[in-house]
């Protein structure tokens, strides 16, 4: 990005680009955390309504033993 800006005639230090990118990184972290929390809540609601099974699930690799 620094090279592209330099070729466009804008002199900027890489540290300045990094510092200005911090708010974007924080916003992305907050939004992603919020979406993951919503996903966890949706999965929990779905699991509450799931029918109970009598037998525990056995991985396919252990069925023959």
PDB file of N, CA and C in Angstrom:
ATOM      1  N   UNK A   1       0.824  -1.180   0.000  1.00  0.00           N
ATOM      2  CA  UNK A   1       0.000   0.000   0.000  1.00  0.00           C
ATOM      3  C   UNK A   1       0.878   1.256   0.000  1.00  0.00           C
ATOM      4  N   UNK A   2       1.981   1.197   0.726  1.00  0.00           N
ATOM      5  CA  UNK A   2       2.882   2.346   0.765  1.00  0.00           C
ATOM      6  C   UNK A   2       3.445   2.636  -0.627  1.00  0.00           C
ATOM      7  N   UNK A   3       3.811   1.592  -1.347  1.00  0.00           N
ATOM      8  CA  UNK A   3       4.345   1.761  -2.697  1.00  0.00           C
ATOM      9  C   UNK A   3       3.302   2.354  -3.628  1.00  0.00           C
ATOM     10  N   UNK A   4       2.075   1.879  -3.538  1.00  0.00           N
ATOM     11  CA  UNK A   4       1.002   2.407  -4.381  1.00  0.00           C
ATOM     12  C   UNK A   4       0.792   3.896  -4.108  1.00  0.00           C
ATOM     13  N   UNK A   5       0.744   4.274  -2.836  1.00  0.00           N
ATOM     14  CA  UNK A   5       0.562   5.690  -2.498  1.00  0.00           C
ATOM     15  C   UNK A   5       1.764   6.522  -2.933  1.00  0.00           C
ATOM     16  N   UNK A   6       2.964   5.951  -2.803  1.00  0.00           N
ATOM     17  CA  UNK A   6       4.166   6.667  -3.223  1.00  0.00           C
ATOM     18  C   UNK A   6       4.151   6.916  -4.731  1.00  0.00           C
ATOM     19  N   UNK A   7       3.711   5.916  -5.507  1.00  0.00           N
ATOM     20  CA  UNK A   7       3.619   6.088  -6.956  1.00  0.00           C
ATOM     21  C   UNK A   7       2.565   7.119  -7.333  1.00  0.00           C
ATOM     22  N   UNK A   8       1.558   7.301  -6.483  1.00  0.00           N
ATOM     23  CA  UNK A   8       0.516   8.295  -6.733  1.00  0.00           C
ATOM     24  C   UNK A   8       0.938   9.684  -6.265  1.00  0.00           C
ATOM     25  N   UNK A   9       2.149   9.799  -5.719  1.00  0.00           N
ATOM     26  CA  UNK A   9       2.657  11.091  -5.296  1.00  0.00           C
ATOM     27  C   UNK A   9       2.329  11.424  -3.847  1.00  0.00           C
ATOM     28  N   UNK A  10       1.897  10.435  -3.081  1.00  0.00           N
ATOM     29  CA  UNK A  10       1.562  10.658  -1.674  1.00  0.00           C
ATOM     30  C   UNK A  10       2.614   9.958  -0.828  1.00  0.00           C
ATOM     31  N   UNK A  11       3.385  10.745  -0.093  1.00  0.00           N
ATOM     32  CA  UNK A  11       4.417  10.164   0.773  1.00  0.00           C
ATOM     33  C   UNK A  11       3.811   9.883   2.139  1.00  0.00           C
ATOM     34  N   UNK A  12       3.865   8.630   2.528  1.00  0.00           N
ATOM     35  CA  UNK A  12       3.316   8.231   3.824  1.00  0.00           C
ATOM     36  C   UNK A  12       4.202   7.141   4.410  1.00  0.00           C
ATOM     37  N   UNK A  13       4.379   7.167   5.703  1.00  0.00           N
ATOM     38  CA  UNK A  13       5.181   6.171   6.398  1.00  0.00           C
ATOM     39  C   UNK A  13       4.336   4.935   6.684  1.00  0.00           C
ATOM     40  N   UNK A  14       4.936   3.750   6.627  1.00  0.00           N
ATOM     41  CA  UNK A  14       4.184   2.527   6.931  1.00  0.00           C
ATOM     42  C   UNK A  14       3.569   2.536   8.334  1.00  0.00           C
ATOM     43  N   UNK A  15       4.256   3.154   9.294  1.00  0.00           N
ATOM     44  CA  UNK A  15       3.724   3.230  10.655  1.00  0.00           C
ATOM     45  C   UNK A  15       2.427   4.027  10.694  1.00  0.00           C
ATOM     46  N   UNK A  16       2.336   5.081   9.917  1.00  0.00           N
ATOM     47  CA  UNK A  16       1.106   5.883   9.884  1.00  0.00           C
ATOM     48  C   UNK A  16      -0.060   5.077   9.313  1.00  0.00           C
ATOM     49  N   UNK A  17       0.216   4.261   8.316  1.00  0.00           N
ATOM     50  CA  UNK A  17      -0.834   3.400   7.749  1.00  0.00           C
ATOM     51  C   UNK A  17      -1.305   2.406   8.805  1.00  0.00           C
ATOM     52  N   UNK A  18      -0.365   1.837   9.548  1.00  0.00           N
ATOM     53  CA  UNK A  18      -0.718   0.873  10.587  1.00  0.00           C
ATOM     54  C   UNK A  18      -1.557   1.523  11.681  1.00  0.00           C
ATOM     55  N   UNK A  19      -1.172   2.713  12.103  1.00  0.00           N
ATOM     56  CA  UNK A  19      -1.904   3.408  13.166  1.00  0.00           C
ATOM     57  C   UNK A  19      -3.326   3.742  12.708  1.00  0.00           C
ATOM     58  N   UNK A  20      -3.475   4.177  11.483  1.00  0.00           N
ATOM     59  CA  UNK A  20      -4.815   4.499  10.982  1.00  0.00           C
ATOM     60  C   UNK A  20      -5.653   3.245  10.731  1.00  0.00           C
ATOM     61  N   UNK A  21      -5.022   2.084  10.640  1.00  0.00           N
ATOM     62  CA  UNK A  21      -5.760   0.844  10.459  1.00  0.00           C
ATOM     63  C   UNK A  21      -6.307   0.259  11.757  1.00  0.00           C
ATOM     64  N   UNK A  22      -5.842   0.742  12.902  1.00  0.00           N
ATOM     65  CA  UNK A  22      -6.278   0.206  14.191  1.00  0.00           C
ATOM     66  C   UNK A  22      -7.792   0.335  14.398  1.00  0.00           C
ATOM     67  N   UNK A  23      -8.426   1.481  14.137  1.00  0.00           N
ATOM     68  CA  UNK A  23      -9.884   1.568  14.330  1.00  0.00           C
ATOM     69  C   UNK A  23     -10.664   0.562  13.475  1.00  0.00           C
ATOM     70  N   UNK A  24     -10.189   0.319  12.265  1.00  0.00           N
ATOM     71  CA  UNK A  24     -10.849  -0.663  11.402  1.00  0.00           C
ATOM     72  C   UNK A  24     -10.717  -2.065  11.993  1.00  0.00           C
ATOM     73  N   UNK A  25      -9.551  -2.393  12.509  1.00  0.00           N
ATOM     74  CA  UNK A  25      -9.342  -3.707  13.120  1.00  0.00           C
ATOM     75  C   UNK A  25     -10.224  -3.876  14.357  1.00  0.00           C
ATOM     76  N   UNK A  26     -10.337  -2.854  15.169  1.00  0.00           N
ATOM     77  CA  UNK A  26     -11.188  -2.917  16.360  1.00  0.00           C
ATOM     78  C   UNK A  26     -12.645  -3.105  15.969  1.00  0.00           C
ATOM     79  N   UNK A  27     -13.099  -2.334  14.976  1.00  0.00           N
ATOM     80  CA  UNK A  27     -14.482  -2.464  14.520  1.00  0.00           C
ATOM     81  C   UNK A  27     -14.750  -3.857  13.965  1.00  0.00           C
ATOM     82  N   UNK A  28     -13.827  -4.407  13.194  1.00  0.00           N
ATOM     83  CA  UNK A  28     -13.997  -5.752  12.641  1.00  0.00           C
ATOM     84  C   UNK A  28     -14.065  -6.788  13.759  1.00  0.00           C
ATOM     85  N   UNK A  29     -13.239  -6.629  14.789  1.00  0.00           N
ATOM     86  CA  UNK A  29     -13.255  -7.558  15.920  1.00  0.00           C
ATOM     87  C   UNK A  29     -14.595  -7.504  16.657  1.00  0.00           C
ATOM     88  N   UNK A  30     -15.107  -6.319  16.900  1.00  0.00           N
ATOM     89  CA  UNK A  30     -16.383  -6.163  17.615  1.00  0.00           C
ATOM     90  C   UNK A  30     -17.524  -6.764  16.806  1.00  0.00           C
ATOM     91  N   UNK A  31     -17.572  -6.471  15.520  1.00  0.00           N
ATOM     92  CA  UNK A  31     -18.645  -6.994  14.667  1.00  0.00           C
ATOM     93  C   UNK A  31     -18.567  -8.515  14.584  1.00  0.00           C
ATOM     94  N   UNK A  32     -17.378  -9.061  14.415  1.00  0.00           N
ATOM     95  CA  UNK A  32     -17.224 -10.516  14.314  1.00  0.00           C
ATOM     96  C   UNK A  32     -17.612 -11.196  15.633  1.00  0.00           C
ATOM     97  N   UNK A  33     -17.218 -10.607  16.757  1.00  0.00           N
ATOM     98  CA  UNK A  33     -17.585 -11.162  18.059  1.00  0.00           C
ATOM     99  C   UNK A  33     -19.088 -11.175  18.249  1.00  0.00           C
ATOM    100  N   UNK A  34     -19.730 -10.096  17.862  1.00  0.00           N
ATOM    101  CA  UNK A  34     -21.192  -9.995  17.973  1.00  0.00           C
ATOM    102  C   UNK A  34     -21.878 -11.049  17.114  1.00  0.00           C
ATOM    103  N   UNK A  35     -21.395 -11.249  15.896  1.00  0.00           N
ATOM    104  CA  UNK A  35     -21.996 -12.254  15.006  1.00  0.00           C
ATOM    105  C   UNK A  35     -21.771 -13.674  15.524  1.00  0.00           C
ATOM    106  N   UNK A  36     -20.590 -13.960  16.080  1.00  0.00           N
ATOM    107  CA  UNK A  36     -20.338 -15.277  16.653  1.00  0.00           C
ATOM    108  C   UNK A  36     -21.234 -15.531  17.861  1.00  0.00           C
ATOM    109  N   UNK A  37     -21.470 -14.514  18.672  1.00  0.00           N
ATOM    110  CA  UNK A  37     -22.364 -14.655  19.826  1.00  0.00           C
ATOM    111  C   UNK A  37     -23.784 -14.962  19.362  1.00  0.00           C
ATOM    112  N   UNK A  38     -24.233 -14.276  18.321  1.00  0.00           N
ATOM    113  CA  UNK A  38     -25.568 -14.558  17.773  1.00  0.00           C
ATOM    114  C   UNK A  38     -25.654 -15.981  17.245  1.00  0.00           C
ATOM    115  N   UNK A  39     -24.592 -16.459  16.579  1.00  0.00           N
ATOM    116  CA  UNK A  39     -24.559 -17.821  16.071  1.00  0.00           C
ATOM    117  C   UNK A  39     -24.626 -18.830  17.216  1.00  0.00           C
ATOM    118  N   UNK A  40     -23.849 -18.591  18.277  1.00  0.00           N
ATOM    119  CA  UNK A  40     -23.874 -19.485  19.437  1.00  0.00           C
ATOM    120  C   UNK A  40     -25.267 -19.543  20.057  1.00  0.00           C
ATOM    121  N   UNK A  41     -25.931 -18.406  20.160  1.00  0.00           N
ATOM    122  CA  UNK A  41     -27.273 -18.377  20.725  1.00  0.00           C
ATOM    123  C   UNK A  41     -28.258 -19.130  19.838  1.00  0.00           C
ATOM    124  N   UNK A  42     -28.129 -18.989  18.529  1.00  0.00           N
ATOM    125  CA  UNK A  42     -29.023 -19.696  17.608  1.00  0.00           C
ATOM    126  C   UNK A  42     -28.805 -21.204  17.700  1.00  0.00           C
ATOM    127  N   UNK A  43     -27.554 -21.628  17.806  1.00  0.00           N
ATOM    128  CA  UNK A  43     -27.258 -23.056  17.936  1.00  0.00           C
ATOM    129  C   UNK A  43     -27.808 -23.585  19.254  1.00  0.00           C
ATOM    130  N   UNK A  44     -27.661 -22.809  20.323  1.00  0.00           N
ATOM    131  CA  UNK A  44     -28.172 -23.239  21.628  1.00  0.00           C
ATOM    132  C   UNK A  44     -29.686 -23.384  21.584  1.00  0.00           C
ATOM    133  N   UNK A  45     -30.373 -22.434  20.942  1.00  0.00           N
ATOM    134  CA  UNK A  45     -31.842 -22.536  20.818  1.00  0.00           C
ATOM    135  C   UNK A  45     -32.225 -23.755  20.004  1.00  0.00           C
ATOM    136  N   UNK A  46     -31.487 -24.039  18.948  1.00  0.00           N
ATOM    137  CA  UNK A  46     -31.775 -25.193  18.106  1.00  0.00           C
ATOM    138  C   UNK A  46     -31.542 -26.502  18.865  1.00  0.00           C
ATOM    139  N   UNK A  47     -30.498 -26.545  19.679  1.00  0.00           N
ATOM    140  CA  UNK A  47     -30.198 -27.748  20.445  1.00  0.00           C
ATOM    141  C   UNK A  47     -31.237 -27.995  21.539  1.00  0.00           C
ATOM    142  N   UNK A  48     -31.830 -26.944  22.091  1.00  0.00           N
ATOM    143  CA  UNK A  48     -32.863 -27.107  23.116  1.00  0.00           C
ATOM    144  C   UNK A  48     -34.093 -27.792  22.542  1.00  0.00           C
ATOM    145  N   UNK A  49     -34.396 -27.528  21.290  1.00  0.00           N
ATOM    146  CA  UNK A  49     -35.574 -28.098  20.665  1.00  0.00           C
ATOM    147  C   UNK A  49     -35.311 -29.411  19.947  1.00  0.00           C
ATOM    148  N   UNK A  50     -34.076 -29.882  19.957  1.00  0.00           N
ATOM    149  CA  UNK A  50     -33.730 -31.116  19.245  1.00  0.00           C
ATOM    150  C   UNK A  50     -34.276 -32.325  20.010  1.00  0.00           C
ATOM    151  N   UNK A  51     -34.766 -33.317  19.290  1.00  0.00           N
ATOM    152  CA  UNK A  51     -35.262 -34.516  19.974  1.00  0.00           C
ATOM    153  C   UNK A  51     -34.119 -35.290  20.621  1.00  0.00           C
ATOM    154  N   UNK A  52     -34.394 -35.870  21.774  1.00  0.00           N
ATOM    155  CA  UNK A  52     -33.383 -36.640  22.489  1.00  0.00           C
ATOM    156  C   UNK A  52     -33.240 -38.015  21.838  1.00  0.00           C
ATOM    157  N   UNK A  53     -32.036 -38.524  21.800  1.00  0.00           N
ATOM    158  CA  UNK A  53     -31.795 -39.862  21.244  1.00  0.00           C
ATOM    159  C   UNK A  53     -31.484 -40.811  22.389  1.00  0.00           C
ATOM    160  N   UNK A  54     -31.836 -42.088  22.218  1.00  0.00           N
ATOM    161  CA  UNK A  54     -31.590 -43.080  23.257  1.00  0.00           C
ATOM    162  C   UNK A  54     -30.139 -43.541  23.271  1.00  0.00           C
ATOM    163  N   UNK A  55     -29.552 -43.687  22.098  1.00  0.00           N
ATOM    164  CA  UNK A  55     -28.184 -44.184  22.013  1.00  0.00           C
ATOM    165  C   UNK A  55     -27.232 -43.020  21.772  1.00  0.00           C
ATOM    166  N   UNK A  56     -26.067 -43.047  22.409  1.00  0.00           N
ATOM    167  CA  UNK A  56     -25.093 -41.981  22.151  1.00  0.00           C
ATOM    168  C   UNK A  56     -24.513 -42.117  20.747  1.00  0.00           C
ATOM    169  N   UNK A  57     -24.111 -41.013  20.193  1.00  0.00           N
ATOM    170  CA  UNK A  57     -23.510 -41.023  18.860  1.00  0.00           C
ATOM    171  C   UNK A  57     -22.134 -41.674  18.930  1.00  0.00           C
ATOM    172  N   UNK A  58     -21.866 -42.578  18.022  1.00  0.00           N
ATOM    173  CA  UNK A  58     -20.583 -43.271  17.964  1.00  0.00           C
ATOM    174  C   UNK A  58     -19.903 -42.883  16.670  1.00  0.00           C
ATOM    175  N   UNK A  59     -18.664 -42.398  16.735  1.00  0.00           N
ATOM    176  CA  UNK A  59     -17.958 -42.068  15.499  1.00  0.00           C
ATOM    177  C   UNK A  59     -17.834 -43.278  14.585  1.00  0.00           C
ATOM    178  N   UNK A  60     -17.824 -43.031  13.300  1.00  0.00           N
ATOM    179  CA  UNK A  60     -17.780 -44.101  12.310  1.00  0.00           C
ATOM    180  C   UNK A  60     -16.533 -44.959  12.452  1.00  0.00           C
ATOM    181  N   UNK A  61     -15.450 -44.399  12.954  1.00  0.00           N
ATOM    182  CA  UNK A  61     -14.211 -45.179  13.066  1.00  0.00           C
ATOM    183  C   UNK A  61     -14.266 -46.186  14.206  1.00  0.00           C
ATOM    184  N   UNK A  62     -15.198 -46.053  15.132  1.00  0.00           N
ATOM    185  CA  UNK A  62     -15.263 -46.944  16.285  1.00  0.00           C
ATOM    186  C   UNK A  62     -16.440 -47.924  16.200  1.00  0.00           C
ATOM    187  N   UNK A  63     -17.211 -47.908  15.139  1.00  0.00           N
ATOM    188  CA  UNK A  63     -18.391 -48.763  15.031  1.00  0.00           C
ATOM    189  C   UNK A  63     -18.019 -50.230  14.984  1.00  0.00           C
ATOM    190  N   UNK A  64     -16.919 -50.598  14.321  1.00  0.00           N
ATOM    191  CA  UNK A  64     -16.548 -51.985  14.158  1.00  0.00           C
ATOM    192  C   UNK A  64     -15.882 -52.610  15.383  1.00  0.00           C
ATOM    193  N   UNK A  65     -15.612 -51.854  16.395  1.00  0.00           N
ATOM    194  CA  UNK A  65     -14.876 -52.385  17.550  1.00  0.00           C
ATOM    195  C   UNK A  65     -15.779 -52.854  18.630  1.00  0.00           C
TER     196      UNK A  65
END
